[in-house]
Amino acid sequence: MAIDMSSLWGVLTIVGPIVLLIAILWAMRHNRGTKHDIERTEAATHRMYDEQDRADKAAEHR
């Protein structure tokens, strides 16, 4: 039984994007951080901004 390459490409053209979409959705679903991780990141970001703001204000008064 010979496989017709044109029909194989047709199937891959349809199935390929579907598999890619499923893989992307799976990765997005499993790549979320926990609530604790997100809160810790937000707190660290706010501390970094506050430190930079203090450093900028100190540099202005020199």
Protein backbone atom coordinates (compact mmCIF):
# COMPACT_ATOMS: atom_id res chain seq x y z
CA MET A 1 0.00 0.00 0.00
CA ALA A 2 1.57 3.27 -1.12
CA ILE A 3 0.96 6.50 0.76
CA ASP A 4 0.03 9.46 -1.37
CA MET A 5 2.21 12.38 -0.24
CA SER A 6 -0.37 15.02 -1.18
CA SER A 7 -2.99 13.49 1.09
CA LEU A 8 -0.40 13.15 3.88
CA TRP A 9 0.42 16.87 3.60
CA GLY A 10 -3.29 17.65 3.65
CA VAL A 11 -3.75 15.74 6.90
CA LEU A 12 -0.66 17.34 8.45
CA THR A 13 -1.90 20.80 7.42
CA ILE A 14 -5.07 20.21 9.41
CA VAL A 15 -3.74 18.16 12.33
CA GLY A 16 -0.52 20.15 12.85
CA PRO A 17 -2.12 23.44 13.97
CA ILE A 18 -4.57 21.56 16.18
CA VAL A 19 -1.72 19.72 17.95
CA LEU A 20 0.19 23.01 18.26
CA LEU A 21 -2.83 24.74 19.80
CA ILE A 22 -3.31 21.92 22.29
CA ALA A 23 0.39 22.07 23.24
CA ILE A 24 0.24 25.86 23.75
CA LEU A 25 -2.92 25.64 25.86
CA TRP A 26 -1.42 22.84 27.97
CA ALA A 27 1.77 24.85 28.54
CA MET A 28 -0.16 27.99 29.50
CA ARG A 29 -2.28 26.02 31.95
CA HIS A 30 0.67 24.29 33.59
CA ASN A 31 2.99 27.31 33.69
CA ARG A 32 0.97 29.35 36.16
CA GLY A 33 2.53 30.25 39.46
CA THR A 34 0.88 29.69 42.78
CA LYS A 35 -0.86 32.57 44.51
CA HIS A 36 2.02 32.75 47.00
CA ASP A 37 4.59 32.99 44.18
CA ILE A 38 2.68 35.79 42.47
CA GLU A 39 2.28 37.75 45.72
CA ARG A 40 6.00 37.33 46.51
CA THR A 41 6.94 38.57 43.03
CA GLU A 42 4.63 41.58 43.32
CA ALA A 43 6.04 42.51 46.74
CA ALA A 44 9.62 42.25 45.45
CA THR A 45 8.73 44.43 42.47
CA HIS A 46 7.23 47.10 44.72
CA ARG A 47 10.33 47.02 46.97
CA MET A 48 12.59 47.40 43.94
CA TYR A 49 10.57 50.38 42.65
CA ASP A 50 10.62 52.01 46.09
CA GLU A 51 14.40 51.56 46.39
CA GLN A 52 14.93 53.00 42.92
CA ASP A 53 12.65 55.94 43.72
CA ARG A 54 14.63 56.70 46.90
CA ALA A 55 17.91 56.47 44.99
CA ASP A 56 16.61 58.82 42.29
CA LYS A 57 15.43 61.37 44.88
CA ALA A 58 18.76 61.18 46.70
CA ALA A 59 20.61 61.80 43.43
CA GLU A 60 18.45 64.87 42.71
CA HIS A 61 19.38 66.48 46.04
CA ARG A 62 23.12 66.24 45.48
